[in-house]
Amino acid sequence: MLSCSHQRVQQNLKLFLVLDHQYAQSLAARFLSLVLTFSIVGRLTMGWLADHFHPKYVMVLIYSLVGIAIPIVDIESVAPVSAEIFSMKMLGRTIGRDS
């Protein structure tokens, strides 16, 4: 079951994709399903790793994977939807910088 914050993020992300960027609802739903699927798989995997290895090393692994993933997602040829949402340009717009 999703926590309250995850539900709000999913809902707002779908509205952002459909209303602001005119993606088809089916594409937005597919993208959100992928995000949710990877979130569940990641949580279960990292929980299992934390049970079998020292949690400090698991956290180093998690932050390393996130650090590697950010530049990859920023490349706009990876996927137009993820590049638009998670790019550094969007981060700049989110925190109030003009781009």
N, C-alpha and C. Protein backbone atom coordinates (compact mmCIF):
# COMPACT_ATOMS: atom_id res chain seq x y z
N MET A 1 0.84 -1.18 0.00
CA MET A 1 0.00 0.00 0.00
C MET A 1 0.88 1.25 0.00
N LEU A 2 0.52 2.20 -0.82
CA LEU A 2 1.30 3.42 -0.93
C LEU A 2 1.07 4.31 0.28
N SER A 3 2.13 4.98 0.69
CA SER A 3 1.96 5.97 1.75
C SER A 3 1.25 7.19 1.17
N CYS A 4 0.81 8.03 2.02
CA CYS A 4 0.05 9.22 1.60
C CYS A 4 0.88 10.11 0.68
N SER A 5 2.16 10.29 0.99
CA SER A 5 3.00 11.15 0.16
C SER A 5 3.23 10.54 -1.22
N HIS A 6 3.38 9.21 -1.29
CA HIS A 6 3.55 8.57 -2.59
C HIS A 6 2.30 8.72 -3.45
N GLN A 7 1.14 8.63 -2.82
CA GLN A 7 -0.11 8.80 -3.57
C GLN A 7 -0.21 10.21 -4.14
N ARG A 8 0.18 11.19 -3.35
CA ARG A 8 0.11 12.58 -3.83
C ARG A 8 1.10 12.83 -4.96
N VAL A 9 2.29 12.27 -4.84
CA VAL A 9 3.29 12.43 -5.90
C VAL A 9 2.79 11.78 -7.18
N GLN A 10 2.27 10.57 -7.08
CA GLN A 10 1.75 9.88 -8.26
C GLN A 10 0.62 10.68 -8.91
N GLN A 11 -0.30 11.19 -8.09
CA GLN A 11 -1.43 11.94 -8.62
C GLN A 11 -0.96 13.22 -9.31
N ASN A 12 -0.08 13.96 -8.65
CA ASN A 12 0.39 15.22 -9.24
C ASN A 12 1.27 14.99 -10.45
N LEU A 13 2.03 13.92 -10.46
CA LEU A 13 2.87 13.63 -11.62
C LEU A 13 2.00 13.30 -12.82
N LYS A 14 0.92 12.55 -12.61
CA LYS A 14 0.02 12.24 -13.73
C LYS A 14 -0.63 13.52 -14.25
N LEU A 15 -1.09 14.38 -13.36
CA LEU A 15 -1.68 15.65 -13.80
C LEU A 15 -0.66 16.50 -14.54
N PHE A 16 0.57 16.52 -14.05
CA PHE A 16 1.64 17.28 -14.71
C PHE A 16 1.87 16.77 -16.12
N LEU A 17 1.92 15.46 -16.29
CA LEU A 17 2.18 14.88 -17.61
C LEU A 17 1.01 15.10 -18.56
N VAL A 18 -0.20 14.89 -18.07
CA VAL A 18 -1.37 14.95 -18.95
C VAL A 18 -1.77 16.38 -19.25
N LEU A 19 -1.89 17.22 -18.23
CA LEU A 19 -2.39 18.57 -18.44
C LEU A 19 -1.33 19.54 -18.93
N ASP A 20 -0.16 19.52 -18.31
CA ASP A 20 0.87 20.49 -18.67
C ASP A 20 1.66 20.13 -19.92
N HIS A 21 1.88 18.85 -20.13
CA HIS A 21 2.72 18.43 -21.26
C HIS A 21 1.97 17.64 -22.32
N GLN A 22 0.67 17.53 -22.18
CA GLN A 22 -0.22 16.90 -23.15
C GLN A 22 0.19 15.48 -23.54
N TYR A 23 0.71 14.71 -22.59
CA TYR A 23 0.95 13.29 -22.87
C TYR A 23 -0.38 12.56 -22.79
N ALA A 24 -0.50 11.48 -23.55
CA ALA A 24 -1.72 10.67 -23.48
C ALA A 24 -1.83 10.06 -22.08
N GLN A 25 -3.07 9.87 -21.63
CA GLN A 25 -3.26 9.31 -20.29
C GLN A 25 -2.67 7.91 -20.19
N SER A 26 -2.72 7.16 -21.27
CA SER A 26 -2.16 5.80 -21.23
C SER A 26 -0.65 5.85 -21.06
N LEU A 27 0.03 6.80 -21.71
CA LEU A 27 1.48 6.93 -21.55
C LEU A 27 1.84 7.38 -20.14
N ALA A 28 1.07 8.32 -19.60
CA ALA A 28 1.33 8.79 -18.24
C ALA A 28 1.10 7.66 -17.24
N ALA A 29 0.04 6.88 -17.43
CA ALA A 29 -0.23 5.76 -16.52
C ALA A 29 0.85 4.69 -16.62
N ARG A 30 1.34 4.43 -17.82
CA ARG A 30 2.41 3.45 -18.00
C ARG A 30 3.69 3.93 -17.31
N PHE A 31 4.00 5.21 -17.45
CA PHE A 31 5.19 5.76 -16.81
C PHE A 31 5.08 5.66 -15.29
N LEU A 32 3.91 6.00 -14.75
CA LEU A 32 3.72 5.92 -13.30
C LEU A 32 3.77 4.48 -12.81
N SER A 33 3.28 3.56 -13.61
CA SER A 33 3.37 2.14 -13.25
C SER A 33 4.83 1.68 -13.18
N LEU A 34 5.63 2.15 -14.12
CA LEU A 34 7.06 1.82 -14.09
C LEU A 34 7.74 2.39 -12.85
N VAL A 35 7.42 3.65 -12.52
CA VAL A 35 8.00 4.27 -11.34
C VAL A 35 7.63 3.48 -10.09
N LEU A 36 6.36 3.12 -9.97
CA LEU A 36 5.89 2.37 -8.81
C LEU A 36 6.51 0.98 -8.75
N THR A 37 6.61 0.31 -9.89
CA THR A 37 7.21 -1.02 -9.94
C THR A 37 8.66 -0.99 -9.49
N PHE A 38 9.43 -0.05 -10.02
CA PHE A 38 10.83 0.04 -9.62
C PHE A 38 10.98 0.45 -8.16
N SER A 39 10.05 1.25 -7.67
CA SER A 39 10.08 1.64 -6.26
C SER A 39 9.88 0.42 -5.36
N ILE A 40 8.90 -0.40 -5.70
CA ILE A 40 8.63 -1.60 -4.89
C ILE A 40 9.79 -2.57 -4.95
N VAL A 41 10.29 -2.83 -6.15
CA VAL A 41 11.42 -3.75 -6.31
C VAL A 41 12.65 -3.23 -5.57
N GLY A 42 12.91 -1.93 -5.68
CA GLY A 42 14.05 -1.34 -5.00
C GLY A 42 13.94 -1.42 -3.49
N ARG A 43 12.77 -1.14 -2.96
CA ARG A 43 12.58 -1.21 -1.51
C ARG A 43 12.77 -2.63 -0.99
N LEU A 44 12.19 -3.60 -1.69
CA LEU A 44 12.34 -4.99 -1.26
C LEU A 44 13.79 -5.45 -1.34
N THR A 45 14.45 -5.10 -2.43
CA THR A 45 15.85 -5.49 -2.60
C THR A 45 16.74 -4.86 -1.55
N MET A 46 16.59 -3.57 -1.33
CA MET A 46 17.43 -2.90 -0.35
C MET A 46 17.11 -3.36 1.07
N GLY A 47 15.86 -3.69 1.35
CA GLY A 47 15.51 -4.25 2.65
C GLY A 47 16.17 -5.60 2.88
N TRP A 48 16.16 -6.43 1.84
CA TRP A 48 16.81 -7.73 1.95
C TRP A 48 18.31 -7.56 2.16
N LEU A 49 18.91 -6.63 1.39
CA LEU A 49 20.35 -6.39 1.55
C LEU A 49 20.67 -5.87 2.95
N ALA A 50 19.82 -5.00 3.49
CA ALA A 50 20.06 -4.46 4.83
C ALA A 50 19.92 -5.54 5.90
N ASP A 51 19.13 -6.57 5.63
CA ASP A 51 19.03 -7.69 6.56
C ASP A 51 20.28 -8.57 6.54
N HIS A 52 20.97 -8.61 5.41
CA HIS A 52 22.10 -9.53 5.25
C HIS A 52 23.47 -8.85 5.33
N PHE A 53 23.50 -7.54 5.16
CA PHE A 53 24.76 -6.79 5.22
C PHE A 53 24.59 -5.62 6.17
N HIS A 54 25.68 -5.00 6.54
CA HIS A 54 25.64 -3.85 7.43
C HIS A 54 24.86 -2.72 6.75
N PRO A 55 23.88 -2.11 7.45
CA PRO A 55 23.06 -1.06 6.82
C PRO A 55 23.86 0.12 6.28
N LYS A 56 25.00 0.41 6.89
CA LYS A 56 25.83 1.52 6.41
C LYS A 56 26.28 1.27 4.97
N TYR A 57 26.68 0.03 4.67
CA TYR A 57 27.14 -0.30 3.32
C TYR A 57 25.98 -0.32 2.32
N VAL A 58 24.82 -0.71 2.80
CA VAL A 58 23.64 -0.68 1.92
C VAL A 58 23.30 0.77 1.56
N MET A 59 23.38 1.67 2.53
CA MET A 59 23.12 3.08 2.26
C MET A 59 24.14 3.66 1.29
N VAL A 60 25.40 3.27 1.42
CA VAL A 60 26.42 3.72 0.47
C VAL A 60 26.06 3.23 -0.93
N LEU A 61 25.60 1.99 -1.04
CA LEU A 61 25.18 1.45 -2.33
C LEU A 61 24.00 2.24 -2.90
N ILE A 62 23.00 2.52 -2.07
CA ILE A 62 21.82 3.26 -2.53
C ILE A 62 22.22 4.64 -3.05
N TYR A 63 22.99 5.37 -2.26
CA TYR A 63 23.38 6.72 -2.68
C TYR A 63 24.30 6.68 -3.89
N SER A 64 25.12 5.67 -4.02
CA SER A 64 25.95 5.53 -5.22
C SER A 64 25.10 5.30 -6.45
N LEU A 65 24.11 4.42 -6.33
CA LEU A 65 23.21 4.17 -7.47
C LEU A 65 22.43 5.41 -7.86
N VAL A 66 21.98 6.17 -6.88
CA VAL A 66 21.26 7.41 -7.18
C VAL A 66 22.21 8.40 -7.85
N GLY A 67 23.44 8.50 -7.34
CA GLY A 67 24.42 9.40 -7.94
C GLY A 67 24.77 9.03 -9.37
N ILE A 68 24.76 7.75 -9.68
CA ILE A 68 25.03 7.30 -11.04
C ILE A 68 23.80 7.54 -11.93
N ALA A 69 22.61 7.36 -11.37
CA ALA A 69 21.38 7.46 -12.16
C ALA A 69 21.04 8.90 -12.56
N ILE A 70 21.36 9.87 -11.73
CA ILE A 70 20.98 11.25 -12.03
C ILE A 70 21.56 11.75 -13.35
N PRO A 71 22.86 11.59 -13.61
CA PRO A 71 23.36 12.04 -14.92
C PRO A 71 22.78 11.24 -16.09
N ILE A 72 22.50 9.98 -15.87
CA ILE A 72 21.94 9.16 -16.95
C ILE A 72 20.54 9.65 -17.30
N VAL A 73 19.73 9.94 -16.30
CA VAL A 73 18.38 10.42 -16.55
C VAL A 73 18.41 11.81 -17.15
N ASP A 74 19.44 12.59 -16.88
CA ASP A 74 19.54 13.94 -17.40
C ASP A 74 19.80 13.95 -18.90
N ILE A 75 20.28 12.86 -19.45
CA ILE A 75 20.51 12.79 -20.89
C ILE A 75 19.14 12.69 -21.56
N GLU A 76 18.83 13.65 -22.38
CA GLU A 76 17.46 13.74 -22.90
C GLU A 76 17.11 12.66 -23.91
N SER A 77 18.08 11.92 -24.40
CA SER A 77 17.75 10.87 -25.36
C SER A 77 17.34 9.57 -24.68
N VAL A 78 17.46 9.50 -23.34
CA VAL A 78 17.11 8.26 -22.64
C VAL A 78 15.62 7.99 -22.76
N ALA A 79 14.80 8.89 -22.30
CA ALA A 79 13.35 8.78 -22.42
C ALA A 79 12.78 10.19 -22.31
N PRO A 80 12.00 10.62 -23.27
CA PRO A 80 11.51 12.00 -23.24
C PRO A 80 10.75 12.34 -21.97
N VAL A 81 9.96 11.43 -21.46
CA VAL A 81 9.16 11.72 -20.27
C VAL A 81 10.06 11.89 -19.06
N SER A 82 10.95 10.94 -18.81
CA SER A 82 11.80 11.03 -17.64
C SER A 82 12.80 12.17 -17.77
N ALA A 83 13.27 12.43 -18.98
CA ALA A 83 14.21 13.53 -19.15
C ALA A 83 13.54 14.87 -18.87
N GLU A 84 12.29 15.00 -19.26
CA GLU A 84 11.58 16.26 -19.01
C GLU A 84 11.30 16.46 -17.54
N ILE A 85 10.92 15.40 -16.86
CA ILE A 85 10.51 15.52 -15.46
C ILE A 85 11.71 15.64 -14.53
N PHE A 86 12.72 14.83 -14.75
CA PHE A 86 13.81 14.72 -13.80
C PHE A 86 15.10 15.42 -14.24
N SER A 87 15.06 16.21 -15.29
CA SER A 87 16.28 16.84 -15.77
C SER A 87 16.70 17.99 -14.85
N MET A 88 17.93 18.39 -15.00
CA MET A 88 18.45 19.50 -14.19
C MET A 88 17.74 20.81 -14.55
N LYS A 89 17.30 20.94 -15.81
CA LYS A 89 16.55 22.13 -16.19
C LYS A 89 15.26 22.23 -15.38
N MET A 90 14.58 21.10 -15.24
CA MET A 90 13.32 21.10 -14.48
C MET A 90 13.59 21.40 -13.02
N LEU A 91 14.69 20.89 -12.49
CA LEU A 91 15.04 21.18 -11.10
C LEU A 91 15.24 22.68 -10.93
N GLY A 92 15.91 23.30 -11.89
CA GLY A 92 16.10 24.75 -11.83
C GLY A 92 14.79 25.51 -11.85
N ARG A 93 13.87 25.07 -12.71
CA ARG A 93 12.56 25.71 -12.75
C ARG A 93 11.79 25.50 -11.46
N THR A 94 11.96 24.32 -10.86
CA THR A 94 11.24 24.00 -9.64
C THR A 94 11.69 24.88 -8.48
N ILE A 95 12.98 25.15 -8.39
CA ILE A 95 13.48 25.96 -7.28
C ILE A 95 13.47 27.45 -7.59
N GLY A 96 12.96 27.83 -8.78
CA GLY A 96 12.74 29.24 -9.05
C GLY A 96 13.73 29.92 -9.97
N ARG A 97 14.64 29.17 -10.55
CA ARG A 97 15.58 29.79 -11.49
C ARG A 97 14.98 29.79 -12.88
N ASP A 98 15.22 30.84 -13.62
CA ASP A 98 14.76 30.89 -15.01
C ASP A 98 15.75 30.11 -15.88
N SER A 99 15.20 29.36 -16.83
CA SER A 99 16.10 28.63 -17.72
C SER A 99 15.79 28.91 -19.16
